[in-house]
Amino acid sequence: MTSRIILDVHALQNVPPSNLNRDDTGAPKTAVYGGVIRARVSSQAWKRATRKTFQDLLPADELGVRTKRVAELLALRITALVPDIDGPQAWALAAEVLQTATGSKIEPPKRKVDAAKKNNEAAPAPESSYLMFLSARQLDALAELAVEGADDIKAFFKDKDNKARAKQLANTEHSVDIALFGRMVADAADINVDAAAQVAHALSVHRVENESDYFTAVDDRNTDAEPGAGMIGTIDFNSATLYRYAALDVDLLEKNLGYGLDPDASPTTPVRRAVEAFLAGFVSSLPTGKINTFGNHTLPDAVIVKLRTTRPVSFVSAFEKPVSADLDGGHMETACARLADYIPEIERAYGDETTDTWVLRIGPATHKLSGIGTEVPSLTKLVETAGAAVATRLEQRG
């Protein structure tokens, strides 16, 4: 059986009073695990936070854009190629190309059309009915195709070869974020992309009860004759020590990036860069819900990275029984001790000798983790070490 290349990332992170990820009532999300209520931050929230960090880690041409206003985005590229094509003409070309490439209906939203008519304004730009995720390179290629058929775009796409080219251009040159987090195109399942990265919902290692902050705001122009608050309200919050987990299927990442399809192409550099961006982004990112209110800017105290050849393994079961604060308070030290006991046991039962382990830890509360893997001094070193190990395994496999 061909061995796989799986990167598991585990993190323990203290978060003070905060509301990182709200439910429909505005309260921090929670979940029941081990029979008690835990703080929860959804996988979607942390994946978006991770994806936002890529803007600082990767060049723009290796990233994608997820938007309903994809026709406007493509029209800008068409106009950049041929300045004489602009406005509604560029929108029409973009809409036709996108409909052909993705099967999605691209048209102005009815509510915007009605509003424009009511206000005697120009017709709005066409949009997709759902968020569409396309890479910068895919958009560039589709813009060039639109210019090629600009004289009569509908007749251009009556040619089966041109129609096939449009679909192919939307399904090649995937960006790093599309390759990692996947893409669903409701009207064209054949150009969907399976996510190489799986991100779990972050859970507190202990029981949590949401609290409520009652606040008032004073009107700066109030006089002594007008005492009292200009506004009152409440904000729900909690604080937690979170266990965070993500798994990266490097084999699927290689396939999504397209290098696995060409036996003469070396996957090492682009795949390694994507692996390193994901690891750095996931560890250092933080959802920004109510961040201005609480200023809860923390980073993980402990990060464990494992490179496997079998399947992903989460260590969340170490916290199925909730951690209790010790006599002096705090959950981090006990959580680290739980992991230090649990990891060797599960590796003994299910692991193999090919698994590599690296540990980044901060402060005395994490000392129990010192013996479970090779310690690294910084996130930069952790990213470089894991990336190099992935590249070596790719090269050895050929």
Protein backbone atom coordinates (compact mmCIF):
# COMPACT_ATOMS: atom_id res chain seq x y z
CA MET A 1 0.00 0.00 0.00
CA THR A 2 1.35 3.44 -0.96
CA SER A 3 2.02 5.54 2.13
CA ARG A 4 0.29 8.87 2.48
CA ILE A 5 1.67 12.22 3.58
CA ILE A 6 -0.56 13.72 6.28
CA LEU A 7 0.28 16.77 8.38
CA ASP A 8 -1.58 17.04 11.71
CA VAL A 9 -1.54 20.34 13.63
CA HIS A 10 -2.62 20.56 17.28
CA ALA A 11 -2.65 23.75 19.36
CA LEU A 12 -3.60 24.82 22.88
CA GLN A 13 -4.50 28.49 23.11
CA ASN A 14 -5.70 30.63 26.01
CA VAL A 15 -8.31 33.18 25.01
CA PRO A 16 -9.39 35.78 27.63
CA PRO A 17 -12.91 37.30 27.71
CA SER A 18 -13.96 37.39 24.06
CA ASN A 19 -16.66 36.63 21.52
CA LEU A 20 -14.67 35.22 18.61
CA ASN A 21 -17.56 33.53 16.82
CA ARG A 22 -21.21 34.42 17.44
CA ASP A 23 -24.39 32.40 17.03
CA ASP A 24 -27.69 33.79 15.75
CA THR A 25 -28.39 35.45 19.11
CA GLY A 26 -25.02 37.17 19.30
CA ALA A 27 -23.68 34.86 22.01
CA PRO A 28 -20.37 32.96 21.67
CA LYS A 29 -20.92 29.58 20.04
CA THR A 30 -20.89 26.53 22.30
CA ALA A 31 -21.07 22.74 21.99
CA VAL A 32 -21.70 19.83 24.33
CA TYR A 33 -18.73 17.44 24.53
CA GLY A 34 -18.13 14.92 27.29
CA GLY A 35 -21.53 15.82 28.69
CA VAL A 36 -20.68 19.45 29.46
CA ILE A 37 -20.94 22.76 27.60
CA ARG A 38 -17.71 23.89 25.93
CA ALA A 39 -16.73 27.11 24.22
CA ARG A 40 -16.61 26.58 20.44
CA VAL A 41 -15.17 28.45 17.49
CA SER A 42 -16.45 27.07 14.20
CA SER A 43 -14.16 25.61 11.57
CA GLN A 44 -15.50 28.14 9.06
CA ALA A 45 -14.44 31.06 11.24
CA TRP A 46 -10.92 29.75 11.69
CA LYS A 47 -10.54 28.75 8.03
CA ARG A 48 -11.43 32.28 6.96
CA ALA A 49 -8.98 33.72 9.49
CA THR A 50 -6.31 31.37 8.14
CA ARG A 51 -7.09 32.31 4.54
CA LYS A 52 -6.82 36.02 5.37
CA THR A 53 -3.26 35.51 6.63
CA PHE A 54 -2.26 34.22 3.19
CA GLN A 55 -2.40 37.80 1.91
CA ASP A 56 0.78 38.45 3.91
CA LEU A 57 2.37 35.07 3.20
CA LEU A 58 1.85 34.49 -0.53
CA PRO A 59 1.87 36.57 -3.74
CA ALA A 60 -1.50 37.68 -5.07
CA ASP A 61 -1.27 35.49 -8.19
CA GLU A 62 -1.22 32.36 -5.98
CA LEU A 63 -4.48 33.28 -4.25
CA GLY A 64 -8.15 33.29 -5.16
CA VAL A 65 -11.21 35.47 -4.60
CA ARG A 66 -14.56 34.23 -3.30
CA THR A 67 -17.39 36.56 -4.25
CA LYS A 68 -20.82 36.85 -5.83
CA ARG A 69 -19.54 39.89 -7.75
CA VAL A 70 -17.30 37.73 -9.88
CA ALA A 71 -18.54 39.27 -13.16
CA GLU A 72 -17.32 42.70 -12.07
CA LEU A 73 -14.00 41.16 -11.09
CA LEU A 74 -13.60 39.47 -14.46
CA ALA A 75 -14.78 42.59 -16.32
CA LEU A 76 -11.97 44.62 -14.74
CA ARG A 77 -9.46 42.14 -16.16
CA ILE A 78 -11.11 42.31 -19.60
CA THR A 79 -10.92 46.10 -19.57
CA ALA A 80 -7.27 45.95 -18.48
CA LEU A 81 -6.53 43.86 -21.59
CA VAL A 82 -8.65 45.97 -23.96
CA PRO A 83 -9.48 49.43 -22.55
CA ASP A 84 -12.09 50.03 -25.27
CA ILE A 85 -14.18 47.26 -23.71
CA ASP A 86 -15.62 48.63 -20.50
CA GLY A 87 -18.80 49.06 -18.49
CA PRO A 88 -21.85 47.04 -19.56
CA GLN A 89 -20.02 45.52 -22.55
CA ALA A 90 -17.32 44.08 -20.28
CA TRP A 91 -19.98 42.86 -17.83
CA ALA A 92 -21.85 41.08 -20.63
CA LEU A 93 -18.68 39.37 -21.85
CA ALA A 94 -17.75 38.36 -18.31
CA ALA A 95 -21.22 36.98 -17.61
CA GLU A 96 -21.23 34.86 -20.78
CA VAL A 97 -17.76 33.45 -20.10
CA LEU A 98 -18.58 32.62 -16.48
CA GLN A 99 -21.88 30.98 -17.38
CA THR A 100 -20.12 28.84 -19.95
CA ALA A 101 -17.22 27.94 -17.63
CA THR A 102 -19.22 27.18 -14.49
CA GLY A 103 -22.81 26.57 -15.60
CA SER A 104 -23.92 29.21 -13.09
CA LYS A 105 -26.52 31.83 -13.89
CA ILE A 106 -24.86 35.25 -13.93
CA GLU A 107 -27.39 38.09 -14.00
CA PRO A 108 -28.18 41.31 -12.14
CA PRO A 109 -30.04 40.64 -8.85
CA LYS A 110 -33.73 41.50 -9.18
CA ARG A 111 -33.75 43.68 -6.05
CA LYS A 112 -30.88 45.77 -7.45
CA VAL A 113 -32.56 46.01 -10.86
CA ASP A 114 -35.79 47.21 -9.24
CA ALA A 115 -33.92 49.73 -7.10
CA ALA A 116 -32.06 51.07 -10.14
CA LYS A 117 -35.31 51.51 -12.08
CA LYS A 118 -36.97 53.21 -9.12
CA ASN A 119 -34.09 55.66 -8.76
CA ASN A 120 -33.65 56.10 -12.52
CA GLU A 121 -30.09 54.73 -12.31
CA ALA A 122 -28.03 52.62 -14.68
CA ALA A 123 -28.58 48.87 -14.64
CA PRO A 124 -26.42 47.08 -12.04
CA ALA A 125 -23.68 44.59 -12.82
CA PRO A 126 -24.55 40.90 -13.11
CA GLU A 127 -23.75 38.62 -10.16
CA SER A 128 -23.64 34.96 -9.28
CA SER A 129 -26.44 33.70 -7.05
CA TYR A 130 -23.86 32.21 -4.68
CA LEU A 131 -20.25 32.82 -3.68
CA MET A 132 -17.90 31.73 -6.47
CA PHE A 133 -14.27 30.92 -5.72
CA LEU A 134 -11.83 31.42 -8.60
CA SER A 135 -8.06 31.86 -8.61
CA ALA A 136 -6.33 34.96 -9.93
CA ARG A 137 -4.80 32.88 -12.72
CA GLN A 138 -8.17 31.40 -13.67
CA LEU A 139 -9.67 34.87 -13.89
CA ASP A 140 -6.76 36.07 -16.03
CA ALA A 141 -7.15 33.13 -18.41
CA LEU A 142 -10.93 33.59 -18.67
CA ALA A 143 -10.42 37.31 -19.41
CA GLU A 144 -8.12 36.43 -22.31
CA LEU A 145 -10.73 33.98 -23.62
CA ALA A 146 -13.41 36.67 -23.39
CA VAL A 147 -11.29 39.08 -25.42
CA GLU A 148 -10.68 36.37 -28.02
CA GLY A 149 -14.42 35.96 -28.55
CA ALA A 150 -15.42 39.56 -27.94
CA ASP A 151 -16.77 40.22 -31.46
CA ASP A 152 -19.64 37.75 -30.93
CA ILE A 153 -19.28 35.91 -27.62
CA LYS A 154 -22.46 33.82 -27.99
CA ALA A 155 -21.40 32.55 -31.40
CA PHE A 156 -17.89 31.99 -30.04
CA PHE A 157 -19.20 29.57 -27.42
CA LYS A 158 -21.34 27.67 -29.89
CA ASP A 159 -18.05 26.08 -30.87
CA LYS A 160 -17.68 23.00 -28.64
CA ASP A 161 -13.92 23.41 -28.42
CA ASN A 162 -14.25 26.97 -27.10
CA LYS A 163 -16.85 25.86 -24.59
CA ALA A 164 -14.55 23.06 -23.41
CA ARG A 165 -11.67 25.52 -23.12
CA ALA A 166 -13.74 27.75 -20.82
CA LYS A 167 -14.48 24.86 -18.46
CA GLN A 168 -10.87 23.72 -18.53
CA LEU A 169 -9.58 27.20 -17.70
CA ALA A 170 -11.89 27.33 -14.66
CA ASN A 171 -10.59 23.95 -13.48
CA THR A 172 -6.81 24.36 -13.82
CA GLU A 173 -4.25 26.66 -12.19
CA HIS A 174 -5.98 26.41 -8.82
CA SER A 175 -4.79 28.91 -6.24
CA VAL A 176 -3.26 27.78 -2.96
CA ASP A 177 -6.38 28.68 -0.96
CA ILE A 178 -8.68 26.79 -3.36
CA ALA A 179 -6.35 23.78 -3.27
CA LEU A 180 -6.35 23.86 0.53
CA PHE A 181 -9.96 24.68 1.36
CA GLY A 182 -11.77 23.37 -1.70
CA ARG A 183 -14.49 24.81 -3.89
CA MET A 184 -18.10 23.87 -4.55
CA VAL A 185 -19.77 25.02 -7.76
CA ALA A 186 -23.42 24.07 -7.39
CA ASP A 187 -24.13 24.06 -11.14
CA ALA A 188 -20.97 22.24 -12.26
CA ALA A 189 -19.96 19.43 -9.92
CA ASP A 190 -17.22 18.38 -12.33
CA ILE A 191 -15.18 21.47 -11.44
CA ASN A 192 -15.60 21.12 -7.69
CA VAL A 193 -12.37 20.88 -5.70
CA ASP A 194 -12.12 18.63 -2.64
CA ALA A 195 -10.47 20.37 0.32
CA ALA A 196 -6.98 19.16 1.18
CA ALA A 197 -7.16 20.85 4.61
CA GLN A 198 -9.65 19.87 7.28
CA VAL A 199 -10.12 22.21 10.23
CA ALA A 200 -11.96 21.07 13.35
CA HIS A 201 -14.20 23.25 15.47
CA ALA A 202 -12.02 24.58 18.27
CA LEU A 203 -13.30 23.43 21.68
CA SER A 204 -12.48 24.49 25.20
CA VAL A 205 -10.78 21.76 27.20
CA HIS A 206 -13.01 22.63 30.16
CA ARG A 207 -16.60 23.46 31.02
CA VAL A 208 -17.68 26.98 30.04
CA GLU A 209 -20.58 29.23 30.93
CA ASN A 210 -21.21 32.32 28.84
CA GLU A 211 -21.29 35.59 30.72
CA SER A 212 -22.90 38.91 29.88
CA ASP A 213 -21.36 42.37 30.02
CA TYR A 214 -23.81 45.18 30.74
CA PHE A 215 -22.45 48.44 29.34
CA THR A 216 -23.45 52.07 29.04
CA ALA A 217 -22.30 54.86 26.73
CA VAL A 218 -22.43 58.52 27.73
CA ASP A 219 -23.47 61.25 25.31
CA ASP A 220 -20.53 63.70 25.19
CA ARG A 221 -22.94 66.62 24.71
CA ASN A 222 -25.07 65.85 27.77
CA THR A 223 -25.50 68.66 30.28
CA ASP A 224 -25.87 68.40 34.05
CA ALA A 225 -29.60 68.63 33.47
CA GLU A 226 -29.48 65.48 31.34
CA PRO A 227 -27.93 62.76 33.52
CA GLY A 228 -27.85 59.14 32.49
CA ALA A 229 -26.57 57.07 29.64
CA GLY A 230 -27.05 57.82 25.99
CA MET A 231 -27.07 54.11 25.27
CA ILE A 232 -27.17 50.85 27.23
CA GLY A 233 -26.68 47.28 26.08
CA THR A 234 -25.21 43.86 26.76
CA ILE A 235 -22.52 41.75 25.09
CA ASP A 236 -22.14 38.04 25.77
CA PHE A 237 -18.64 36.61 26.15
CA ASN A 238 -16.61 33.77 27.61
CA SER A 239 -12.98 32.86 28.19
CA ALA A 240 -11.40 29.52 27.39
CA THR A 241 -8.37 27.35 26.85
CA LEU A 242 -9.04 26.01 23.37
CA TYR A 243 -7.87 22.81 21.74
CA ARG A 244 -7.47 23.48 18.03
CA TYR A 245 -6.84 20.82 15.37
CA ALA A 246 -6.31 20.71 11.61
CA ALA A 247 -5.22 18.01 9.19
CA LEU A 248 -3.61 18.53 5.80
CA ASP A 249 -3.66 15.82 3.12
CA VAL A 250 -0.47 16.65 1.23
CA ASP A 251 -1.27 14.13 -1.52
CA LEU A 252 -4.60 15.80 -2.28
CA LEU A 253 -2.94 19.22 -2.06
CA GLU A 254 -0.42 18.12 -4.69
CA LYS A 255 -3.23 16.89 -6.93
CA ASN A 256 -5.29 20.08 -6.47
CA LEU A 257 -2.33 22.26 -7.37
CA GLY A 258 -2.00 20.21 -10.56
CA TYR A 259 1.58 19.05 -10.22
CA GLY A 260 0.61 15.44 -9.59
CA LEU A 261 -0.79 15.25 -13.13
CA ASP A 262 2.53 15.94 -14.86
CA PRO A 263 5.25 13.32 -14.21
CA ASP A 264 7.93 15.76 -15.41
CA ALA A 265 6.92 18.56 -13.02
CA SER A 266 8.54 18.85 -9.59
CA PRO A 267 5.93 19.26 -6.83
CA THR A 268 8.44 20.13 -4.15
CA THR A 269 8.57 23.93 -4.35
CA PRO A 270 4.86 24.85 -4.84
CA VAL A 271 3.51 22.15 -2.53
CA ARG A 272 6.05 22.95 0.17
CA ARG A 273 5.18 26.65 -0.07
CA ALA A 274 1.48 25.85 0.31
CA VAL A 275 2.15 23.55 3.29
CA GLU A 276 4.25 26.20 5.01
CA ALA A 277 1.65 28.92 4.36
CA PHE A 278 -1.10 26.74 5.80
CA LEU A 279 0.90 25.83 8.91
CA ALA A 280 1.98 29.41 9.58
CA GLY A 281 -1.49 30.79 8.84
CA PHE A 282 -3.43 28.27 10.92
CA VAL A 283 -1.21 28.59 13.99
CA SER A 284 -0.97 32.40 13.99
CA SER A 285 -4.47 33.36 12.83
CA LEU A 286 -7.35 34.48 15.03
CA PRO A 287 -11.01 35.13 14.12
CA THR A 288 -11.81 38.80 14.60
CA GLY A 289 -15.30 38.65 16.11
CA LYS A 290 -15.71 41.53 18.60
CA ILE A 291 -11.92 42.00 18.58
CA ASN A 292 -12.24 45.77 19.02
CA THR A 293 -14.41 45.24 22.09
CA PHE A 294 -12.24 42.67 23.86
CA GLY A 295 -8.75 43.02 22.38
CA ASN A 296 -8.18 39.28 22.86
CA HIS A 297 -4.95 39.05 20.84
CA THR A 298 -3.38 35.77 21.95
CA LEU A 299 -1.28 33.05 20.32
CA PRO A 300 -1.05 29.35 21.17
CA ASP A 301 1.08 28.37 24.17
CA ALA A 302 1.66 24.93 22.67
CA VAL A 303 1.74 23.62 19.10
CA ILE A 304 2.33 19.99 18.14
CA VAL A 305 2.86 19.04 14.49
CA LYS A 306 2.95 15.44 13.32
CA LEU A 307 3.85 14.16 9.86
CA ARG A 308 2.10 10.82 9.29
CA THR A 309 1.91 8.13 6.63
CA THR A 310 -1.48 6.66 7.55
CA ARG A 311 -4.49 8.86 8.38
CA PRO A 312 -5.21 12.05 10.36
CA VAL A 313 -5.53 11.65 14.14
CA SER A 314 -7.10 14.25 16.44
CA PHE A 315 -6.22 14.26 20.14
CA VAL A 316 -9.52 15.78 21.25
CA SER A 317 -10.37 12.59 23.17
CA ALA A 318 -7.76 13.62 25.73
CA PHE A 319 -10.29 16.26 26.81
CA GLU A 320 -13.50 14.20 26.68
CA LYS A 321 -13.40 14.46 30.47
CA PRO A 322 -13.25 18.23 31.00
CA VAL A 323 -10.13 19.68 32.55
CA SER A 324 -10.56 21.30 35.96
CA ALA A 325 -8.56 24.32 37.06
CA ASP A 326 -5.88 23.51 39.64
CA LEU A 327 -5.85 25.05 43.11
CA ASP A 328 -4.10 28.17 41.88
CA GLY A 329 -6.36 28.44 38.82
CA GLY A 330 -5.58 27.87 35.15
CA HIS A 331 -6.24 25.09 32.66
CA MET A 332 -3.15 25.13 30.40
CA GLU A 333 -0.82 23.08 32.60
CA THR A 334 -3.37 20.34 33.19
CA ALA A 335 -4.30 20.31 29.48
CA CYS A 336 -0.64 19.85 28.51
CA ALA A 337 -0.30 17.05 31.05
CA ARG A 338 -3.36 15.36 29.52
CA LEU A 339 -1.80 15.50 26.08
CA ALA A 340 1.56 14.29 27.37
CA ASP A 341 -0.16 11.20 28.79
CA TYR A 342 -2.56 10.61 25.89
CA ILE A 343 -0.31 11.05 22.84
CA PRO A 344 2.19 8.26 23.61
CA GLU A 345 -0.67 5.86 24.30
CA ILE A 346 -2.52 6.48 21.07
CA GLU A 347 0.73 6.45 19.08
CA ARG A 348 1.67 3.12 20.68
CA ALA A 349 -1.67 1.64 19.68
CA TYR A 350 -2.14 3.19 16.24
CA GLY A 351 1.02 5.03 15.19
CA ASP A 352 4.04 3.84 13.25
CA GLU A 353 7.76 4.44 13.28
CA THR A 354 7.59 6.81 10.29
CA THR A 355 5.72 9.54 12.21
CA ASP A 356 7.73 12.72 12.84
CA THR A 357 6.78 15.03 15.71
CA TRP A 358 7.75 18.65 16.44
CA VAL A 359 6.76 20.72 19.45
CA LEU A 360 6.66 24.48 19.94
CA ARG A 361 5.89 25.43 23.54
CA ILE A 362 5.96 28.57 25.64
CA GLY A 363 6.19 28.96 29.41
CA PRO A 364 6.38 26.57 32.38
CA ALA A 365 2.75 25.44 32.04
CA THR A 366 3.72 23.46 28.92
CA HIS A 367 6.73 21.63 30.41
CA LYS A 368 5.03 18.20 30.31
CA LEU A 369 5.11 18.34 26.50
CA SER A 370 8.89 18.53 26.37
CA GLY A 371 9.36 14.78 25.85
CA ILE A 372 6.86 13.99 23.12
CA GLY A 373 8.79 15.26 20.09
CA THR A 374 11.62 17.39 18.75
CA GLU A 375 11.37 20.85 20.23
CA VAL A 376 11.71 23.91 17.99
CA PRO A 377 12.30 27.46 19.26
CA SER A 378 9.89 29.45 17.06
CA LEU A 379 7.01 29.27 14.62
CA THR A 380 9.40 30.20 11.81
CA LYS A 381 11.60 27.23 12.63
CA LEU A 382 8.58 24.93 12.99
CA VAL A 383 7.28 25.97 9.56
CA GLU A 384 10.69 25.53 7.92
CA THR A 385 11.29 22.14 9.54
CA ALA A 386 7.88 20.70 8.67
CA GLY A 387 8.05 22.10 5.13
CA ALA A 388 11.47 20.57 4.56
CA ALA A 389 10.27 17.19 5.85
CA VAL A 390 7.27 17.25 3.51
CA ALA A 391 9.54 18.14 0.56
CA THR A 392 11.91 15.28 1.44
CA ARG A 393 9.07 12.77 1.52
CA LEU A 394 7.74 14.01 -1.81
CA GLU A 395 11.19 13.67 -3.37
CA GLN A 396 11.74 10.19 -1.93
CA ARG A 397 8.43 9.03 -3.34
CA GLY A 398 9.25 10.53 -6.75
